[in-house]
Each structure stands twice: as structure tokens, then as C-alpha cells.
């Protein structure tokens, strides 16, 4: 089995998949928190 090159230096494909999943969840949570913060700071439109 040929190991894929990756920036994390992980050689085991299962371990790499778990780490990618963990990083993706972390990034998604950070983006959600940022979006929530931006939305909460918006003022209602005056009509």
C-alpha cells in the first residue's frame, strides 16, 4: 500500500481520516461562531 503525502506527516490512512474530520469540525465551528457573531452585531433595517 502506498502512503499518501500530507502536511500533517501522518502515514496511516485511518489516522489521517480521523484527523481531517477533527480539523474540519473545528474549522466549521469557528466559521459558525464567527457568522453568529457578525449576524448578532447587525442592526435591523429602518423602513
Protein backbone atom coordinates (compact mmCIF):
# COMPACT_ATOMS: atom_id res chain seq x y z
CA UNK A 1 0.00 0.00 0.00
CA UNK A 2 1.36 3.39 -0.98
CA UNK A 3 1.21 6.12 1.66
CA UNK A 4 -0.09 9.50 0.58
CA UNK A 5 1.93 12.66 1.19
CA UNK A 6 0.25 15.05 3.59
CA UNK A 7 1.11 18.20 5.51
CA UNK A 8 0.44 16.54 8.87
CA UNK A 9 3.09 13.86 8.44
CA UNK A 10 0.57 11.10 9.20
CA UNK A 11 1.26 7.84 7.37
CA UNK A 12 -1.74 5.76 8.49
CA UNK A 13 -4.77 6.41 6.27
CA UNK A 14 -7.28 5.78 9.07
CA UNK A 15 -5.48 8.13 11.45
CA UNK A 16 -5.28 10.73 8.67
CA UNK A 17 -9.01 10.45 8.01
CA UNK A 18 -9.79 10.95 11.72
CA UNK A 19 -7.50 13.99 11.91
CA UNK A 20 -9.02 15.53 8.77
CA UNK A 21 -12.51 15.02 10.23
CA UNK A 22 -11.46 16.61 13.52
CA UNK A 23 -9.91 19.61 11.76
CA UNK A 24 -12.96 20.03 9.53
CA UNK A 25 -15.31 20.05 12.53
CA UNK A 26 -13.07 22.56 14.30
CA UNK A 27 -13.00 24.86 11.24
CA UNK A 28 -16.77 24.56 10.78
CA UNK A 29 -17.37 25.51 14.42
CA UNK A 30 -15.05 28.52 14.11
CA UNK A 31 -16.87 29.69 10.96
CA UNK A 32 -20.27 29.18 12.62
CA UNK A 33 -19.19 31.17 15.69
CA UNK A 34 -17.84 33.98 13.51
CA UNK A 35 -21.03 34.06 11.42
CA UNK A 36 -23.18 34.10 14.57
CA UNK A 37 -21.13 36.99 15.98
CA UNK A 38 -21.44 39.01 12.75
CA UNK A 39 -25.19 38.38 12.48
CA UNK A 40 -25.77 39.29 16.13
CA UNK A 41 -23.99 42.65 15.54
CA UNK A 42 -26.20 43.65 12.58
CA UNK A 43 -28.79 46.29 13.25
CA UNK A 44 -32.35 45.93 11.95
CA UNK A 45 -33.12 47.90 8.79
CA UNK A 46 -35.10 51.10 9.34
CA UNK A 47 -38.06 51.13 6.94
